[in-house]
């Protein structure tokens, strides 16, 4: 049984599944609670995301190859993280369900990166920014569950991020949901 998770109901849309809330800490805690309750065999996260410089175009649905966590202050040289967590590699069998989607490396930050210099530094080895993916991926890893994120690109990371997200979020959500719907057709899904 595969469980579909999203940050908010608007991203989940008509897919059966659950929401985990906004931000990495809330998403990790809520996802862990949901996983203990539902006990799925695998998790697919669906949502919208931002594209770092050189990343996918707005409107593109993407599949996460790996998901990492970064601190903006550390990336700017204003602080450090003594033991940063290792990235979570997404499950290859779940990736096989979405063979036509571009594979991207997804970075979770504490907030939406709007500063151009920060966006450039966060983009080092990452193509996409998503606030909840690492929290959910870490919860799945703690529960020994395969994980995949399918994200629709709604904006470019940087100063125009919020305005672009408002303009493109519906189409990005639809693209990600449709990719998940097609991928999970015929699969046993956990209900809402």
C-alpha atoms as a PDB file:
ATOM      1  CA  UNK A   1       0.000   0.000   0.000  1.00  0.00           C
ATOM      2  CA  UNK A   2       1.414   3.388  -1.040  1.00  0.00           C
ATOM      3  CA  UNK A   3       0.630   6.515   0.960  1.00  0.00           C
ATOM      4  CA  UNK A   4       0.522   9.875  -0.816  1.00  0.00           C
ATOM      5  CA  UNK A   5       1.545  12.866   1.307  1.00  0.00           C
ATOM      6  CA  UNK A   6       1.499  16.594   0.574  1.00  0.00           C
ATOM      7  CA  UNK A   7       2.221  19.696   2.612  1.00  0.00           C
ATOM      8  CA  UNK A   8      -1.294  21.108   2.215  1.00  0.00           C
ATOM      9  CA  UNK A   9      -4.697  20.004   0.926  1.00  0.00           C
ATOM     10  CA  UNK A  10      -4.404  22.158  -2.207  1.00  0.00           C
ATOM     11  CA  UNK A  11      -1.350  20.181  -3.312  1.00  0.00           C
ATOM     12  CA  UNK A  12      -2.965  16.838  -2.513  1.00  0.00           C
ATOM     13  CA  UNK A  13      -6.106  17.824  -4.413  1.00  0.00           C
ATOM     14  CA  UNK A  14      -8.317  14.828  -5.203  1.00  0.00           C
ATOM     15  CA  UNK A  15      -5.594  12.234  -4.598  1.00  0.00           C
ATOM     16  CA  UNK A  16      -6.258   9.976  -1.626  1.00  0.00           C
ATOM     17  CA  UNK A  17      -3.683  10.745   1.057  1.00  0.00           C
ATOM     18  CA  UNK A  18      -2.750  12.969   3.961  1.00  0.00           C
ATOM     19  CA  UNK A  19      -1.166  16.369   4.639  1.00  0.00           C
ATOM     20  CA  UNK A  20       1.917  17.022   6.775  1.00  0.00           C
ATOM     21  CA  UNK A  21       1.909  20.824   7.132  1.00  0.00           C
ATOM     22  CA  UNK A  22       4.352  23.496   6.023  1.00  0.00           C
ATOM     23  CA  UNK A  23       8.063  23.562   6.871  1.00  0.00           C
ATOM     24  CA  UNK A  24      10.665  20.872   7.497  1.00  0.00           C
ATOM     25  CA  UNK A  25      10.167  20.371  11.239  1.00  0.00           C
ATOM     26  CA  UNK A  26       6.361  20.299  11.165  1.00  0.00           C
ATOM     27  CA  UNK A  27       6.425  17.981   8.122  1.00  0.00           C
ATOM     28  CA  UNK A  28       8.869  15.558   9.784  1.00  0.00           C
ATOM     29  CA  UNK A  29       6.860  15.349  13.001  1.00  0.00           C
ATOM     30  CA  UNK A  30       3.488  15.029  11.275  1.00  0.00           C
ATOM     31  CA  UNK A  31       4.793  12.520   8.717  1.00  0.00           C
ATOM     32  CA  UNK A  32       6.247  10.332  11.463  1.00  0.00           C
ATOM     33  CA  UNK A  33       2.911  10.354  13.302  1.00  0.00           C
ATOM     34  CA  UNK A  34       0.993   9.505  10.109  1.00  0.00           C
ATOM     35  CA  UNK A  35       3.408   6.704   9.184  1.00  0.00           C
ATOM     36  CA  UNK A  36       3.011   5.096  12.611  1.00  0.00           C
ATOM     37  CA  UNK A  37      -0.779   5.311  12.259  1.00  0.00           C
ATOM     38  CA  UNK A  38      -1.214   4.223   8.619  1.00  0.00           C
ATOM     39  CA  UNK A  39       1.745   1.804   8.300  1.00  0.00           C
ATOM     40  CA  UNK A  40       2.132   2.048   4.515  1.00  0.00           C
ATOM     41  CA  UNK A  41       4.614   0.063   2.426  1.00  0.00           C
ATOM     42  CA  UNK A  42       5.940   3.191   0.662  1.00  0.00           C
ATOM     43  CA  UNK A  43       5.399   6.951   0.487  1.00  0.00           C
ATOM     44  CA  UNK A  44       5.088   9.310  -2.461  1.00  0.00           C
ATOM     45  CA  UNK A  45       5.099  13.024  -1.703  1.00  0.00           C
ATOM     46  CA  UNK A  46       3.446  15.420  -4.131  1.00  0.00           C
ATOM     47  CA  UNK A  47       3.715  19.200  -4.198  1.00  0.00           C
ATOM     48  CA  UNK A  48       5.106  22.372  -5.688  1.00  0.00           C
ATOM     49  CA  UNK A  49       8.713  23.517  -5.595  1.00  0.00           C
ATOM     50  CA  UNK A  50      11.143  26.181  -6.728  1.00  0.00           C
ATOM     51  CA  UNK A  51      13.874  25.765  -9.319  1.00  0.00           C
ATOM     52  CA  UNK A  52      17.419  26.882  -8.560  1.00  0.00           C
ATOM     53  CA  UNK A  53      19.452  28.606 -11.303  1.00  0.00           C
ATOM     54  CA  UNK A  54      19.994  26.054 -14.062  1.00  0.00           C
ATOM     55  CA  UNK A  55      17.201  23.823 -12.737  1.00  0.00           C
ATOM     56  CA  UNK A  56      13.981  22.740 -14.461  1.00  0.00           C
ATOM     57  CA  UNK A  57      11.573  25.179 -16.083  1.00  0.00           C
ATOM     58  CA  UNK A  58       8.416  26.427 -14.411  1.00  0.00           C
ATOM     59  CA  UNK A  59       5.568  23.994 -15.058  1.00  0.00           C
ATOM     60  CA  UNK A  60       7.819  20.922 -15.203  1.00  0.00           C
ATOM     61  CA  UNK A  61       6.883  17.961 -13.003  1.00  0.00           C
ATOM     62  CA  UNK A  62      10.049  16.322 -11.589  1.00  0.00           C
ATOM     63  CA  UNK A  63      10.988  13.251  -9.579  1.00  0.00           C
ATOM     64  CA  UNK A  64      13.442  13.555  -6.710  1.00  0.00           C
ATOM     65  CA  UNK A  65      16.592  11.456  -7.075  1.00  0.00           C
ATOM     66  CA  UNK A  66      17.815  12.457  -3.609  1.00  0.00           C
ATOM     67  CA  UNK A  67      16.698  14.901  -0.930  1.00  0.00           C
ATOM     68  CA  UNK A  68      19.006  16.936   1.296  1.00  0.00           C
ATOM     69  CA  UNK A  69      18.842  19.540   4.043  1.00  0.00           C
ATOM     70  CA  UNK A  70      20.737  22.843   4.187  1.00  0.00           C
ATOM     71  CA  UNK A  71      20.896  25.803   6.500  1.00  0.00           C
ATOM     72  CA  UNK A  72      20.958  29.202   4.785  1.00  0.00           C
ATOM     73  CA  UNK A  73      23.177  30.797   7.431  1.00  0.00           C
ATOM     74  CA  UNK A  74      25.746  28.031   7.024  1.00  0.00           C
ATOM     75  CA  UNK A  75      25.655  28.330   3.228  1.00  0.00           C
ATOM     76  CA  UNK A  76      26.303  32.070   3.545  1.00  0.00           C
ATOM     77  CA  UNK A  77      29.218  31.494   5.935  1.00  0.00           C
ATOM     78  CA  UNK A  78      27.310  33.081   8.831  1.00  0.00           C
ATOM     79  CA  UNK A  79      27.158  29.927  10.926  1.00  0.00           C
ATOM     80  CA  UNK A  80      27.789  26.205  10.728  1.00  0.00           C
ATOM     81  CA  UNK A  81      26.003  22.899  11.288  1.00  0.00           C
ATOM     82  CA  UNK A  82      28.192  20.563  13.360  1.00  0.00           C
ATOM     83  CA  UNK A  83      26.724  17.295  12.014  1.00  0.00           C
ATOM     84  CA  UNK A  84      24.533  17.882   8.987  1.00  0.00           C
ATOM     85  CA  UNK A  85      22.323  14.941   8.080  1.00  0.00           C
ATOM     86  CA  UNK A  86      23.203  12.936   4.991  1.00  0.00           C
ATOM     87  CA  UNK A  87      20.905  13.238   1.980  1.00  0.00           C
ATOM     88  CA  UNK A  88      18.164  10.628   1.613  1.00  0.00           C
ATOM     89  CA  UNK A  89      18.291   8.733  -1.673  1.00  0.00           C
ATOM     90  CA  UNK A  90      14.869   8.141  -3.191  1.00  0.00           C
ATOM     91  CA  UNK A  91      13.759   4.599  -3.858  1.00  0.00           C
ATOM     92  CA  UNK A  92      14.740   3.362  -7.345  1.00  0.00           C
ATOM     93  CA  UNK A  93      11.636   1.160  -7.634  1.00  0.00           C
ATOM     94  CA  UNK A  94       9.401   4.164  -7.002  1.00  0.00           C
ATOM     95  CA  UNK A  95      11.457   6.193  -9.487  1.00  0.00           C
ATOM     96  CA  UNK A  96      10.766   3.458 -12.041  1.00  0.00           C
ATOM     97  CA  UNK A  97       7.060   4.339 -11.755  1.00  0.00           C
ATOM     98  CA  UNK A  98       7.794   7.785 -13.256  1.00  0.00           C
ATOM     99  CA  UNK A  99      10.282   6.984 -16.045  1.00  0.00           C
ATOM    100  CA  UNK A 100       9.469  10.068 -18.149  1.00  0.00           C
ATOM    101  CA  UNK A 101       9.966  12.675 -15.411  1.00  0.00           C
ATOM    102  CA  UNK A 102      13.262  14.550 -15.125  1.00  0.00           C
ATOM    103  CA  UNK A 103      15.334  13.385 -12.138  1.00  0.00           C
ATOM    104  CA  UNK A 104      16.381  16.203  -9.803  1.00  0.00           C
ATOM    105  CA  UNK A 105      18.210  16.652  -6.531  1.00  0.00           C
ATOM    106  CA  UNK A 106      15.929  18.402  -4.025  1.00  0.00           C
ATOM    107  CA  UNK A 107      17.168  20.592  -1.192  1.00  0.00           C
ATOM    108  CA  UNK A 108      15.099  21.490   1.859  1.00  0.00           C
ATOM    109  CA  UNK A 109      15.790  24.820   3.536  1.00  0.00           C
ATOM    110  CA  UNK A 110      14.176  26.391   6.577  1.00  0.00           C
ATOM    111  CA  UNK A 111      12.383  28.944   4.428  1.00  0.00           C
ATOM    112  CA  UNK A 112      11.914  29.997   0.834  1.00  0.00           C
ATOM    113  CA  UNK A 113      15.233  31.406  -0.423  1.00  0.00           C
ATOM    114  CA  UNK A 114      14.606  34.868  -1.878  1.00  0.00           C
ATOM    115  CA  UNK A 115      18.100  36.377  -1.831  1.00  0.00           C
ATOM    116  CA  UNK A 116      19.921  35.881  -5.180  1.00  0.00           C
ATOM    117  CA  UNK A 117      23.286  35.140  -3.533  1.00  0.00           C
ATOM    118  CA  UNK A 118      21.710  32.659  -1.129  1.00  0.00           C
ATOM    119  CA  UNK A 119      19.863  30.981  -4.018  1.00  0.00           C
ATOM    120  CA  UNK A 120      23.147  30.645  -5.904  1.00  0.00           C
ATOM    121  CA  UNK A 121      24.902  29.126  -2.887  1.00  0.00           C
ATOM    122  CA  UNK A 122      22.020  26.787  -2.089  1.00  0.00           C
ATOM    123  CA  UNK A 123      22.016  25.595  -5.723  1.00  0.00           C
ATOM    124  CA  UNK A 124      25.460  24.020  -5.403  1.00  0.00           C
ATOM    125  CA  UNK A 125      24.737  20.391  -6.488  1.00  0.00           C
ATOM    126  CA  UNK A 126      20.959  20.877  -6.149  1.00  0.00           C
ATOM    127  CA  UNK A 127      18.341  21.766  -8.772  1.00  0.00           C
ATOM    128  CA  UNK A 128      15.153  22.198  -6.734  1.00  0.00           C
ATOM    129  CA  UNK A 129      14.116  23.705  -3.383  1.00  0.00           C
ATOM    130  CA  UNK A 130      11.206  22.242  -1.414  1.00  0.00           C
ATOM    131  CA  UNK A 131      10.473  22.999   2.233  1.00  0.00           C
ATOM    132  CA  UNK A 132       9.002  19.672   3.365  1.00  0.00           C
ATOM    133  CA  UNK A 133      10.695  16.950   1.308  1.00  0.00           C
ATOM    134  CA  UNK A 134      13.625  16.275   3.639  1.00  0.00           C
ATOM    135  CA  UNK A 135      11.438  16.139   6.744  1.00  0.00           C
ATOM    136  CA  UNK A 136       9.164  13.562   5.123  1.00  0.00           C
ATOM    137  CA  UNK A 137      12.103  11.636   3.621  1.00  0.00           C
ATOM    138  CA  UNK A 138      13.816  11.504   7.032  1.00  0.00           C
ATOM    139  CA  UNK A 139      10.605  10.256   8.675  1.00  0.00           C
ATOM    140  CA  UNK A 140      10.334   7.548   6.000  1.00  0.00           C
ATOM    141  CA  UNK A 141      13.975   6.552   6.511  1.00  0.00           C
ATOM    142  CA  UNK A 142      13.391   6.311  10.270  1.00  0.00           C
ATOM    143  CA  UNK A 143      10.427   3.997   9.594  1.00  0.00           C
ATOM    144  CA  UNK A 144      12.348   1.969   6.962  1.00  0.00           C
ATOM    145  CA  UNK A 145       9.996   3.022   4.159  1.00  0.00           C
ATOM    146  CA  UNK A 146      10.759   3.694   0.485  1.00  0.00           C
ATOM    147  CA  UNK A 147      10.234   7.363  -0.413  1.00  0.00           C
ATOM    148  CA  UNK A 148       9.775   9.426  -3.557  1.00  0.00           C
ATOM    149  CA  UNK A 149       8.841  13.078  -4.119  1.00  0.00           C
ATOM    150  CA  UNK A 150       7.119  14.255  -7.303  1.00  0.00           C
ATOM    151  CA  UNK A 151       7.151  18.035  -7.491  1.00  0.00           C
ATOM    152  CA  UNK A 152       5.772  20.545  -9.960  1.00  0.00           C
ATOM    153  CA  UNK A 153       8.013  23.579 -10.487  1.00  0.00           C
ATOM    154  CA  UNK A 154       6.006  26.706  -9.643  1.00  0.00           C
ATOM    155  CA  UNK A 155       8.769  29.327  -9.427  1.00  0.00           C
ATOM    156  CA  UNK A 156      12.416  30.193  -9.731  1.00  0.00           C
ATOM    157  CA  UNK A 157      14.211  30.439  -6.389  1.00  0.00           C
ATOM    158  CA  UNK A 158      15.067  34.067  -5.692  1.00  0.00           C
ATOM    159  CA  UNK A 159      13.427  37.503  -5.326  1.00  0.00           C
ATOM    160  CA  UNK A 160      10.455  36.717  -7.597  1.00  0.00           C
ATOM    161  CA  UNK A 161       9.715  33.333  -5.969  1.00  0.00           C
ATOM    162  CA  UNK A 162       6.506  34.229  -4.151  1.00  0.00           C
ATOM    163  CA  UNK A 163       4.907  36.153  -7.006  1.00  0.00           C
ATOM    164  CA  UNK A 164       5.786  33.372  -9.462  1.00  0.00           C
ATOM    165  CA  UNK A 165       4.501  30.713  -7.065  1.00  0.00           C
ATOM    166  CA  UNK A 166       1.173  32.536  -6.763  1.00  0.00           C
ATOM    167  CA  UNK A 167       0.938  32.731 -10.555  1.00  0.00           C
ATOM    168  CA  UNK A 168       2.000  29.160 -11.360  1.00  0.00           C
ATOM    169  CA  UNK A 169       1.095  27.042  -8.322  1.00  0.00           C
ATOM    170  CA  UNK A 170      -2.196  25.698  -9.695  1.00  0.00           C
ATOM    171  CA  UNK A 171      -0.615  24.457 -12.926  1.00  0.00           C
ATOM    172  CA  UNK A 172       2.404  23.071 -11.026  1.00  0.00           C
ATOM    173  CA  UNK A 173       0.152  21.241  -8.544  1.00  0.00           C
ATOM    174  CA  UNK A 174      -1.917  19.825 -11.402  1.00  0.00           C
ATOM    175  CA  UNK A 175       1.196  18.614 -13.271  1.00  0.00           C
ATOM    176  CA  UNK A 176       2.635  16.905 -10.189  1.00  0.00           C
ATOM    177  CA  UNK A 177      -0.701  15.316  -9.245  1.00  0.00           C
ATOM    178  CA  UNK A 178      -1.263  14.029 -12.779  1.00  0.00           C
ATOM    179  CA  UNK A 179       2.212  12.456 -12.816  1.00  0.00           C
ATOM    180  CA  UNK A 180       1.499  10.763  -9.468  1.00  0.00           C
ATOM    181  CA  UNK A 181      -1.976   9.687 -10.595  1.00  0.00           C
ATOM    182  CA  UNK A 182      -0.533   8.015 -13.699  1.00  0.00           C
ATOM    183  CA  UNK A 183       2.370   6.458 -11.793  1.00  0.00           C
ATOM    184  CA  UNK A 184       0.158   4.972  -9.100  1.00  0.00           C
ATOM    185  CA  UNK A 185      -2.634   3.801 -11.373  1.00  0.00           C
ATOM    186  CA  UNK A 186      -3.315   0.208 -10.423  1.00  0.00           C
ATOM    187  CA  UNK A 187      -1.374   0.478  -7.150  1.00  0.00           C
ATOM    188  CA  UNK A 188      -2.997  -0.037  -3.760  1.00  0.00           C
ATOM    189  CA  UNK A 189      -3.265   3.401  -2.126  1.00  0.00           C
ATOM    190  CA  UNK A 190      -3.786   4.288   1.511  1.00  0.00           C
ATOM    191  CA  UNK A 191      -6.989   6.275   1.994  1.00  0.00           C
ATOM    192  CA  UNK A 192      -7.212   9.794   3.409  1.00  0.00           C
END
